[in-house]
Amino acid sequence: MTLQSASYPLAWTTDPPTVPGYYWVSWKVGWNFADEIVRVRFRRRNCRDTDELIVAPVGTEAQYNLDIAQMWAGPIPEPQHAEAGP
């Protein structure tokens, strides 16, 4: 799936997500921008704090604050694993 091939209208925004889900994100990697799918979810920092939204690139254990990304599009359906061929 690419942003352009989505079956519903998506638009880039600089407003970070307010609800958990999967999103397209555009962020700076070195000197370039990269577009990829990420999962936004809640994380509790400690037992006294309220939950906060964080972003995790799909397929990694990395976790970042939402301010790492410059542009967002979504939410989108959860990405599915491709079927193995014959």
PDB file of N, CA and C in Angstrom:
ATOM      1  N   MET A   1       0.844  -1.183   0.000  1.00  0.00           N
ATOM      2  CA  MET A   1       0.000   0.000   0.000  1.00  0.00           C
ATOM      3  C   MET A   1       0.883   1.237   0.000  1.00  0.00           C
ATOM      4  N   THR A   2       0.543   2.160  -0.818  1.00  0.00           N
ATOM      5  CA  THR A   2       1.214   3.449  -0.797  1.00  0.00           C
ATOM      6  C   THR A   2       0.182   4.512  -0.475  1.00  0.00           C
ATOM      7  N   LEU A   3       0.647   5.662  -0.079  1.00  0.00           N
ATOM      8  CA  LEU A   3      -0.270   6.751   0.245  1.00  0.00           C
ATOM      9  C   LEU A   3      -1.148   7.083  -0.955  1.00  0.00           C
ATOM     10  N   GLN A   4      -0.581   7.038  -2.148  1.00  0.00           N
ATOM     11  CA  GLN A   4      -1.334   7.386  -3.346  1.00  0.00           C
ATOM     12  C   GLN A   4      -2.345   6.300  -3.720  1.00  0.00           C
ATOM     13  N   SER A   5      -2.131   5.040  -3.317  1.00  0.00           N
ATOM     14  CA  SER A   5      -3.031   3.959  -3.715  1.00  0.00           C
ATOM     15  C   SER A   5      -4.113   3.675  -2.681  1.00  0.00           C
ATOM     16  N   ALA A   6      -4.216   4.463  -1.645  1.00  0.00           N
ATOM     17  CA  ALA A   6      -5.240   4.248  -0.620  1.00  0.00           C
ATOM     18  C   ALA A   6      -6.619   4.334  -1.247  1.00  0.00           C
ATOM     19  N   SER A   7      -7.547   3.500  -0.756  1.00  0.00           N
ATOM     20  CA  SER A   7      -8.894   3.465  -1.329  1.00  0.00           C
ATOM     21  C   SER A   7      -9.811   4.521  -0.725  1.00  0.00           C
ATOM     22  N   TYR A   8      -9.287   5.403   0.070  1.00  0.00           N
ATOM     23  CA  TYR A   8     -10.054   6.492   0.668  1.00  0.00           C
ATOM     24  C   TYR A   8      -9.136   7.702   0.716  1.00  0.00           C
ATOM     25  N   PRO A   9      -9.700   8.899   0.775  1.00  0.00           N
ATOM     26  CA  PRO A   9      -8.844  10.092   0.720  1.00  0.00           C
ATOM     27  C   PRO A   9      -7.993  10.248   1.979  1.00  0.00           C
ATOM     28  N   LEU A  10      -6.732  10.459   1.777  1.00  0.00           N
ATOM     29  CA  LEU A  10      -5.801  10.768   2.855  1.00  0.00           C
ATOM     30  C   LEU A  10      -5.122  12.082   2.528  1.00  0.00           C
ATOM     31  N   ALA A  11      -4.849  12.855   3.538  1.00  0.00           N
ATOM     32  CA  ALA A  11      -4.160  14.124   3.328  1.00  0.00           C
ATOM     33  C   ALA A  11      -3.087  14.278   4.391  1.00  0.00           C
ATOM     34  N   TRP A  12      -1.962  14.832   3.996  1.00  0.00           N
ATOM     35  CA  TRP A  12      -0.893  15.111   4.953  1.00  0.00           C
ATOM     36  C   TRP A  12      -1.314  16.262   5.847  1.00  0.00           C
ATOM     37  N   THR A  13      -0.966  16.177   7.129  1.00  0.00           N
ATOM     38  CA  THR A  13      -1.217  17.248   8.080  1.00  0.00           C
ATOM     39  C   THR A  13      -0.030  17.336   9.033  1.00  0.00           C
ATOM     40  N   THR A  14       0.172  18.502   9.586  1.00  0.00           N
ATOM     41  CA  THR A  14       1.236  18.654  10.588  1.00  0.00           C
ATOM     42  C   THR A  14       0.710  18.381  11.993  1.00  0.00           C
ATOM     43  N   ASP A  15      -0.611  18.196  12.128  1.00  0.00           N
ATOM     44  CA  ASP A  15      -1.193  17.894  13.435  1.00  0.00           C
ATOM     45  C   ASP A  15      -0.918  16.440  13.799  1.00  0.00           C
ATOM     46  N   PRO A  16      -0.301  16.182  14.948  1.00  0.00           N
ATOM     47  CA  PRO A  16      -0.041  14.793  15.333  1.00  0.00           C
ATOM     48  C   PRO A  16      -1.342  14.068  15.677  1.00  0.00           C
ATOM     49  N   PRO A  17      -1.340  12.741  15.611  1.00  0.00           N
ATOM     50  CA  PRO A  17      -2.536  11.967  15.934  1.00  0.00           C
ATOM     51  C   PRO A  17      -2.983  12.188  17.375  1.00  0.00           C
ATOM     52  N   THR A  18      -4.285  12.031  17.577  1.00  0.00           N
ATOM     53  CA  THR A  18      -4.856  12.127  18.919  1.00  0.00           C
ATOM     54  C   THR A  18      -5.435  10.795  19.367  1.00  0.00           C
ATOM     55  N   VAL A  19      -5.470   9.806  18.469  1.00  0.00           N
ATOM     56  CA  VAL A  19      -5.981   8.479  18.799  1.00  0.00           C
ATOM     57  C   VAL A  19      -4.985   7.428  18.311  1.00  0.00           C
ATOM     58  N   PRO A  20      -4.915   6.283  18.996  1.00  0.00           N
ATOM     59  CA  PRO A  20      -4.026   5.211  18.551  1.00  0.00           C
ATOM     60  C   PRO A  20      -4.447   4.677  17.185  1.00  0.00           C
ATOM     61  N   GLY A  21      -3.519   4.055  16.482  1.00  0.00           N
ATOM     62  CA  GLY A  21      -3.799   3.444  15.190  1.00  0.00           C
ATOM     63  C   GLY A  21      -2.551   3.423  14.335  1.00  0.00           C
ATOM     64  N   TYR A  22      -2.736   3.088  13.073  1.00  0.00           N
ATOM     65  CA  TYR A  22      -1.644   3.067  12.109  1.00  0.00           C
ATOM     66  C   TYR A  22      -1.739   4.308  11.236  1.00  0.00           C
ATOM     67  N   TYR A  23      -0.588   4.893  10.916  1.00  0.00           N
ATOM     68  CA  TYR A  23      -0.532   6.142  10.165  1.00  0.00           C
ATOM     69  C   TYR A  23       0.635   6.108   9.190  1.00  0.00           C
ATOM     70  N   TRP A  24       0.502   6.864   8.106  1.00  0.00           N
ATOM     71  CA  TRP A  24       1.653   7.209   7.289  1.00  0.00           C
ATOM     72  C   TRP A  24       2.329   8.380   7.987  1.00  0.00           C
ATOM     73  N   VAL A  25       3.643   8.365   8.006  1.00  0.00           N
ATOM     74  CA  VAL A  25       4.379   9.450   8.628  1.00  0.00           C
ATOM     75  C   VAL A  25       5.514   9.865   7.696  1.00  0.00           C
ATOM     76  N   SER A  26       5.810  11.140   7.698  1.00  0.00           N
ATOM     77  CA  SER A  26       6.956  11.662   6.951  1.00  0.00           C
ATOM     78  C   SER A  26       7.883  12.293   7.973  1.00  0.00           C
ATOM     79  N   TRP A  27       9.088  11.756   8.062  1.00  0.00           N
ATOM     80  CA  TRP A  27      10.037  12.311   9.016  1.00  0.00           C
ATOM     81  C   TRP A  27      11.420  12.386   8.418  1.00  0.00           C
ATOM     82  N   LYS A  28      12.245  13.189   9.042  1.00  0.00           N
ATOM     83  CA  LYS A  28      13.585  13.425   8.521  1.00  0.00           C
ATOM     84  C   LYS A  28      14.516  12.312   8.983  1.00  0.00           C
ATOM     85  N   VAL A  29      15.194  11.713   8.016  1.00  0.00           N
ATOM     86  CA  VAL A  29      16.187  10.675   8.287  1.00  0.00           C
ATOM     87  C   VAL A  29      17.489  11.173   7.687  1.00  0.00           C
ATOM     88  N   GLY A  30      18.413  11.586   8.538  1.00  0.00           N
ATOM     89  CA  GLY A  30      19.636  12.211   8.038  1.00  0.00           C
ATOM     90  C   GLY A  30      19.277  13.523   7.361  1.00  0.00           C
ATOM     91  N   TRP A  31      19.682  13.659   6.084  1.00  0.00           N
ATOM     92  CA  TRP A  31      19.378  14.880   5.324  1.00  0.00           C
ATOM     93  C   TRP A  31      18.112  14.735   4.491  1.00  0.00           C
ATOM     94  N   ASN A  32      17.494  13.551   4.477  1.00  0.00           N
ATOM     95  CA  ASN A  32      16.343  13.285   3.623  1.00  0.00           C
ATOM     96  C   ASN A  32      15.087  13.039   4.452  1.00  0.00           C
ATOM     97  N   PHE A  33      13.933  13.126   3.788  1.00  0.00           N
ATOM     98  CA  PHE A  33      12.670  12.755   4.410  1.00  0.00           C
ATOM     99  C   PHE A  33      12.306  11.350   3.970  1.00  0.00           C
ATOM    100  N   ALA A  34      11.744  10.569   4.881  1.00  0.00           N
ATOM    101  CA  ALA A  34      11.290   9.217   4.575  1.00  0.00           C
ATOM    102  C   ALA A  34       9.817   9.105   4.941  1.00  0.00           C
ATOM    103  N   ASP A  35       9.056   8.409   4.103  1.00  0.00           N
ATOM    104  CA  ASP A  35       7.649   8.136   4.373  1.00  0.00           C
ATOM    105  C   ASP A  35       7.532   6.663   4.725  1.00  0.00           C
ATOM    106  N   GLU A  36       6.862   6.362   5.839  1.00  0.00           N
ATOM    107  CA  GLU A  36       6.655   4.971   6.209  1.00  0.00           C
ATOM    108  C   GLU A  36       5.433   4.836   7.099  1.00  0.00           C
ATOM    109  N   ILE A  37       5.003   3.607   7.295  1.00  0.00           N
ATOM    110  CA  ILE A  37       3.856   3.326   8.148  1.00  0.00           C
ATOM    111  C   ILE A  37       4.346   3.105   9.574  1.00  0.00           C
ATOM    112  N   VAL A  38       3.647   3.731  10.513  1.00  0.00           N
ATOM    113  CA  VAL A  38       3.989   3.593  11.926  1.00  0.00           C
ATOM    114  C   VAL A  38       2.732   3.255  12.720  1.00  0.00           C
ATOM    115  N   ARG A  39       2.951   2.734  13.919  1.00  0.00           N
ATOM    116  CA  ARG A  39       1.848   2.474  14.842  1.00  0.00           C
ATOM    117  C   ARG A  39       1.916   3.496  15.962  1.00  0.00           C
ATOM    118  N   VAL A  40       0.814   4.161  16.218  1.00  0.00           N
ATOM    119  CA  VAL A  40       0.710   5.099  17.327  1.00  0.00           C
ATOM    120  C   VAL A  40      -0.067   4.396  18.429  1.00  0.00           C
ATOM    121  N   ARG A  41       0.500   4.364  19.624  1.00  0.00           N
ATOM    122  CA  ARG A  41      -0.152   3.666  20.733  1.00  0.00           C
ATOM    123  C   ARG A  41       0.087   4.416  22.028  1.00  0.00           C
ATOM    124  N   PHE A  42      -0.655   4.010  23.061  1.00  0.00           N
ATOM    125  CA  PHE A  42      -0.481   4.611  24.375  1.00  0.00           C
ATOM    126  C   PHE A  42       0.659   3.931  25.120  1.00  0.00           C
ATOM    127  N   ARG A  43       1.385   4.714  25.918  1.00  0.00           N
ATOM    128  CA  ARG A  43       2.417   4.189  26.818  1.00  0.00           C
ATOM    129  C   ARG A  43       2.280   4.915  28.141  1.00  0.00           C
ATOM    130  N   ARG A  44       2.327   4.168  29.209  1.00  0.00           N
ATOM    131  CA  ARG A  44       2.299   4.771  30.540  1.00  0.00           C
ATOM    132  C   ARG A  44       3.751   4.968  30.984  1.00  0.00           C
ATOM    133  N   ARG A  45       4.094   6.196  31.342  1.00  0.00           N
ATOM    134  CA  ARG A  45       5.469   6.487  31.745  1.00  0.00           C
ATOM    135  C   ARG A  45       5.788   5.930  33.127  1.00  0.00           C
ATOM    136  N   ASN A  46       4.889   6.099  34.085  1.00  0.00           N
ATOM    137  CA  ASN A  46       5.037   5.469  35.395  1.00  0.00           C
ATOM    138  C   ASN A  46       3.659   5.400  36.036  1.00  0.00           C
ATOM    139  N   CYS A  47       3.567   4.800  37.198  1.00  0.00           N
ATOM    140  CA  CYS A  47       2.247   4.518  37.779  1.00  0.00           C
ATOM    141  C   CYS A  47       1.459   5.780  38.128  1.00  0.00           C
ATOM    142  N   ARG A  48       2.093   6.919  38.278  1.00  0.00           N
ATOM    143  CA  ARG A  48       1.369   8.147  38.625  1.00  0.00           C
ATOM    144  C   ARG A  48       0.980   8.983  37.417  1.00  0.00           C
ATOM    145  N   ASP A  49       1.626   8.759  36.302  1.00  0.00           N
ATOM    146  CA  ASP A  49       1.352   9.550  35.104  1.00  0.00           C
ATOM    147  C   ASP A  49       0.187   8.977  34.311  1.00  0.00           C
ATOM    148  N   THR A  50      -0.415   9.823  33.519  1.00  0.00           N
ATOM    149  CA  THR A  50      -1.418   9.357  32.574  1.00  0.00           C
ATOM    150  C   THR A  50      -0.707   8.793  31.353  1.00  0.00           C
ATOM    151  N   ASP A  51      -1.451   8.063  30.541  1.00  0.00           N
ATOM    152  CA  ASP A  51      -0.874   7.494  29.332  1.00  0.00           C
ATOM    153  C   ASP A  51      -0.518   8.604  28.345  1.00  0.00           C
ATOM    154  N   GLU A  52       0.515   8.367  27.552  1.00  0.00           N
ATOM    155  CA  GLU A  52       0.893   9.300  26.497  1.00  0.00           C
ATOM    156  C   GLU A  52       0.962   8.537  25.186  1.00  0.00           C
ATOM    157  N   LEU A  53       0.716   9.221  24.089  1.00  0.00           N
ATOM    158  CA  LEU A  53       0.831   8.595  22.777  1.00  0.00           C
ATOM    159  C   LEU A  53       2.283   8.590  22.341  1.00  0.00           C
ATOM    160  N   ILE A  54       2.722   7.455  21.799  1.00  0.00           N
ATOM    161  CA  ILE A  54       4.060   7.344  21.233  1.00  0.00           C
ATOM    162  C   ILE A  54       3.939   6.752  19.832  1.00  0.00           C
ATOM    163  N   VAL A  55       5.006   6.820  19.065  1.00  0.00           N
ATOM    164  CA  VAL A  55       5.027   6.283  17.705  1.00  0.00           C
ATOM    165  C   VAL A  55       6.099   5.202  17.625  1.00  0.00           C
ATOM    166  N   ALA A  56       5.760   4.102  16.933  1.00  0.00           N
ATOM    167  CA  ALA A  56       6.701   2.995  16.752  1.00  0.00           C
ATOM    168  C   ALA A  56       6.660   2.563  15.289  1.00  0.00           C
ATOM    169  N   PRO A  57       7.795   2.628  14.585  1.00  0.00           N
ATOM    170  CA  PRO A  57       7.817   2.134  13.208  1.00  0.00           C
ATOM    171  C   PRO A  57       7.401   0.664  13.168  1.00  0.00           C
ATOM    172  N   VAL A  58       6.569   0.300  12.197  1.00  0.00           N
ATOM    173  CA  VAL A  58       6.092  -1.074  12.068  1.00  0.00           C
ATOM    174  C   VAL A  58       7.283  -2.000  11.843  1.00  0.00           C
ATOM    175  N   GLY A  59       7.312  -3.103  12.574  1.00  0.00           N
ATOM    176  CA  GLY A  59       8.379  -4.093  12.415  1.00  0.00           C
ATOM    177  C   GLY A  59       9.612  -3.824  13.256  1.00  0.00           C
ATOM    178  N   THR A  60       9.569  -2.831  14.147  1.00  0.00           N
ATOM    179  CA  THR A  60      10.717  -2.547  15.006  1.00  0.00           C
ATOM    180  C   THR A  60      10.256  -2.449  16.455  1.00  0.00           C
ATOM    181  N   GLU A  61      11.202  -2.438  17.360  1.00  0.00           N
ATOM    182  CA  GLU A  61      10.913  -2.240  18.779  1.00  0.00           C
ATOM    183  C   GLU A  61      11.127  -0.785  19.194  1.00  0.00           C
ATOM    184  N   ALA A  62      11.514   0.069  18.256  1.00  0.00           N
ATOM    185  CA  ALA A  62      11.803   1.467  18.563  1.00  0.00           C
ATOM    186  C   ALA A  62      10.530   2.194  18.990  1.00  0.00           C
ATOM    187  N   GLN A  63      10.682   3.184  19.862  1.00  0.00           N
ATOM    188  CA  GLN A  63       9.569   4.016  20.307  1.00  0.00           C
ATOM    189  C   GLN A  63      10.037   5.463  20.363  1.00  0.00           C
ATOM    190  N   TYR A  64       9.197   6.368  19.854  1.00  0.00           N
ATOM    191  CA  TYR A  64       9.546   7.776  19.813  1.00  0.00           C
ATOM    192  C   TYR A  64       8.364   8.623  20.279  1.00  0.00           C
ATOM    193  N   ASN A  65       8.647   9.839  20.696  1.00  0.00           N
ATOM    194  CA  ASN A  65       7.585  10.800  20.980  1.00  0.00           C
ATOM    195  C   ASN A  65       6.997  11.269  19.655  1.00  0.00           C
ATOM    196  N   LEU A  66       5.754  11.733  19.684  1.00  0.00           N
ATOM    197  CA  LEU A  66       5.078  12.146  18.453  1.00  0.00           C
ATOM    198  C   LEU A  66       5.754  13.314  17.755  1.00  0.00           C
ATOM    199  N   ASP A  67       6.515  14.118  18.482  1.00  0.00           N
ATOM    200  CA  ASP A  67       7.120  15.304  17.872  1.00  0.00           C
ATOM    201  C   ASP A  67       8.270  14.974  16.921  1.00  0.00           C
ATOM    202  N   ILE A  68       8.634  13.700  16.776  1.00  0.00           N
ATOM    203  CA  ILE A  68       9.713  13.328  15.863  1.00  0.00           C
ATOM    204  C   ILE A  68       9.289  13.469  14.402  1.00  0.00           C
ATOM    205  N   ALA A  69       7.996  13.376  14.129  1.00  0.00           N
ATOM    206  CA  ALA A  69       7.517  13.411  12.745  1.00  0.00           C
ATOM    207  C   ALA A  69       7.070  14.810  12.353  1.00  0.00           C
ATOM    208  N   GLN A  70       7.251  15.123  11.069  1.00  0.00           N
ATOM    209  CA  GLN A  70       6.853  16.426  10.556  1.00  0.00           C
ATOM    210  C   GLN A  70       5.450  16.392   9.942  1.00  0.00           C
ATOM    211  N   MET A  71       5.041  15.260   9.348  1.00  0.00           N
ATOM    212  CA  MET A  71       3.754  15.160   8.658  1.00  0.00           C
ATOM    213  C   MET A  71       3.112  13.809   8.967  1.00  0.00           C
ATOM    214  N   TRP A  72       1.774  13.809   9.017  1.00  0.00           N
ATOM    215  CA  TRP A  72       0.988  12.615   9.324  1.00  0.00           C
ATOM    216  C   TRP A  72      -0.136  12.461   8.309  1.00  0.00           C
ATOM    217  N   ALA A  73      -0.539  11.221   8.022  1.00  0.00           N
ATOM    218  CA  ALA A  73      -1.733  10.929   7.232  1.00  0.00           C
ATOM    219  C   ALA A  73      -2.377   9.678   7.815  1.00  0.00           C
ATOM    220  N   GLY A  74      -3.662   9.747   8.085  1.00  0.00           N
ATOM    221  CA  GLY A  74      -4.338   8.570   8.630  1.00  0.00           C
ATOM    222  C   GLY A  74      -5.365   8.965   9.651  1.00  0.00           C
ATOM    223  N   PRO A  75      -5.859   7.993  10.380  1.00  0.00           N
ATOM    224  CA  PRO A  75      -5.374   6.617  10.493  1.00  0.00           C
ATOM    225  C   PRO A  75      -5.711   5.776   9.254  1.00  0.00           C
ATOM    226  N   ILE A  76      -4.974   4.668   9.110  1.00  0.00           N
ATOM    227  CA  ILE A  76      -5.151   3.733   8.007  1.00  0.00           C
ATOM    228  C   ILE A  76      -5.439   2.357   8.596  1.00  0.00           C
ATOM    229  N   PRO A  77      -5.937   1.403   7.784  1.00  0.00           N
ATOM    230  CA  PRO A  77      -6.145   0.044   8.285  1.00  0.00           C
ATOM    231  C   PRO A  77      -4.818  -0.588   8.705  1.00  0.00           C
ATOM    232  N   GLU A  78      -4.899  -1.530   9.642  1.00  0.00           N
ATOM    233  CA  GLU A  78      -3.692  -2.222  10.091  1.00  0.00           C
ATOM    234  C   GLU A  78      -3.049  -2.947   8.920  1.00  0.00           C
ATOM    235  N   PRO A  79      -1.740  -2.766   8.709  1.00  0.00           N
ATOM    236  CA  PRO A  79      -1.057  -3.468   7.612  1.00  0.00           C
ATOM    237  C   PRO A  79      -1.112  -4.984   7.836  1.00  0.00           C
ATOM    238  N   GLN A  80      -1.320  -5.728   6.766  1.00  0.00           N
ATOM    239  CA  GLN A  80      -1.371  -7.196   6.822  1.00  0.00           C
ATOM    240  C   GLN A  80      -0.085  -7.762   6.244  1.00  0.00           C
ATOM    241  N   HIS A  81       0.338  -8.898   6.771  1.00  0.00           N
ATOM    242  CA  HIS A  81       1.502  -9.585   6.224  1.00  0.00           C
ATOM    243  C   HIS A  81       1.150 -10.174   4.862  1.00  0.00           C
ATOM    244  N   ALA A  82       2.082 -10.073   3.946  1.00  0.00           N
ATOM    245  CA  ALA A  82       1.862 -10.632   2.607  1.00  0.00           C
ATOM    246  C   ALA A  82       1.841 -12.157   2.695  1.00  0.00           C
ATOM    247  N   GLU A  83       0.986 -12.764   1.862  1.00  0.00           N
ATOM    248  CA  GLU A  83       0.932 -14.221   1.788  1.00  0.00           C
ATOM    249  C   GLU A  83       2.198 -14.733   1.125  1.00  0.00           C
ATOM    250  N   ALA A  84       2.723 -15.841   1.632  1.00  0.00           N
ATOM    251  CA  ALA A  84       3.907 -16.455   1.033  1.00  0.00           C
ATOM    252  C   ALA A  84       3.521 -17.094  -0.287  1.00  0.00           C
ATOM    253  N   GLY A  85       4.346 -16.921  -1.280  1.00  0.00           N
ATOM    254  CA  GLY A  85       4.076 -17.495  -2.608  1.00  0.00           C
ATOM    255  C   GLY A  85       4.390 -18.974  -2.658  1.00  0.00           C
ATOM    256  N   PRO A  86       4.077 -19.626  -3.804  1.00  0.00           N
ATOM    257  CA  PRO A  86       4.332 -21.072  -3.947  1.00  0.00           C
ATOM    258  C   PRO A  86       5.791 -21.410  -3.972  1.00  0.00           C
TER     259      PRO A  86
END
